[in-house]
Amino acid sequence: MKDAAKLKYKINHNPVSYNFKTKRYESREAIYLTYEQARANQWKCEKCQKLLANLKELKLHKLEYHSY
């Protein structure tokens, strides 16, 4: 969690953690079976709630779909 404190856009970031009891990856948004699925849905657009893989894709999405 200390890496999340360094992020510029903390609101949009959904850090992934592994739950040893359920043997699944969890974030604030959902529960995933594999690490790849969890990493693919780390960033979230606050306007349309779309999940994206990285900050670069989030910025590009905002530019394309939410800029006037």
Protein backbone atom coordinates (compact mmCIF):
# COMPACT_ATOMS: atom_id res chain seq x y z
CA MET A 1 0.00 0.00 0.00
CA LYS A 2 2.91 2.40 0.38
CA ASP A 3 3.24 2.55 -3.43
CA ALA A 4 -0.36 3.78 -3.70
CA ALA A 5 0.52 6.83 -1.60
CA LYS A 6 3.02 7.94 -4.27
CA LEU A 7 0.53 7.84 -7.13
CA LYS A 8 -0.69 11.10 -8.60
CA TYR A 9 -4.19 9.76 -9.25
CA LYS A 10 -4.96 7.74 -6.10
CA ILE A 11 -8.73 7.97 -6.61
CA ASN A 12 -8.64 5.99 -9.86
CA HIS A 13 -6.17 3.32 -8.81
CA ASN A 14 -7.38 -0.06 -7.56
CA PRO A 15 -4.41 -1.89 -6.03
CA VAL A 16 -4.44 -5.66 -6.22
CA SER A 17 -3.76 -7.89 -3.24
CA TYR A 18 -3.72 -11.65 -2.83
CA ASN A 19 -6.05 -13.21 -0.26
CA PHE A 20 -4.46 -16.42 1.03
CA LYS A 21 -7.68 -17.72 2.57
CA THR A 22 -9.71 -17.58 -0.65
CA LYS A 23 -6.65 -17.99 -2.93
CA ARG A 24 -7.83 -15.15 -5.19
CA TYR A 25 -6.69 -11.67 -6.15
CA GLU A 26 -8.82 -8.88 -4.73
CA SER A 27 -9.21 -5.18 -5.38
CA ARG A 28 -11.78 -2.66 -4.23
CA GLU A 29 -13.82 -3.33 -7.39
CA ALA A 30 -13.85 -7.10 -7.79
CA ILE A 31 -12.31 -10.51 -7.11
CA TYR A 32 -10.15 -12.17 -9.80
CA LEU A 33 -8.88 -15.70 -10.31
CA THR A 34 -5.59 -14.78 -11.99
CA TYR A 35 -3.09 -11.99 -11.54
CA GLU A 36 -3.35 -11.07 -15.25
CA GLN A 37 -7.08 -10.37 -14.92
CA ALA A 38 -6.49 -8.24 -11.86
CA ARG A 39 -3.72 -6.22 -13.54
CA ALA A 40 -5.89 -5.63 -16.61
CA ASN A 41 -8.45 -3.82 -14.46
CA GLN A 42 -6.29 -1.60 -12.26
CA TRP A 43 -7.40 1.86 -13.39
CA LYS A 44 -10.96 3.16 -13.55
CA CYS A 45 -12.50 6.11 -15.39
CA GLU A 46 -14.59 8.07 -12.91
CA LYS A 47 -17.03 9.32 -15.57
CA CYS A 48 -18.03 6.09 -17.33
CA GLN A 49 -16.69 3.51 -14.81
CA LYS A 50 -14.66 1.70 -17.49
CA LEU A 51 -11.73 -0.38 -16.18
CA LEU A 52 -8.34 0.00 -17.89
CA ALA A 53 -4.95 -1.67 -17.59
CA ASN A 54 -2.64 1.31 -17.01
CA LEU A 55 -2.50 5.06 -16.49
CA LYS A 56 -1.46 5.72 -20.09
CA GLU A 57 -4.62 4.01 -21.38
CA LEU A 58 -6.72 5.94 -18.85
CA LYS A 59 -5.31 9.28 -20.04
CA LEU A 60 -5.88 8.33 -23.67
CA HIS A 61 -9.44 7.19 -22.92
CA LYS A 62 -10.21 10.49 -21.18
CA LEU A 63 -8.80 12.44 -24.12
CA GLU A 64 -10.78 10.51 -26.72
CA TYR A 65 -14.12 10.10 -24.98
CA HIS A 66 -14.44 12.82 -22.34
CA SER A 67 -12.73 15.91 -23.75
CA TYR A 68 -14.77 18.70 -25.24
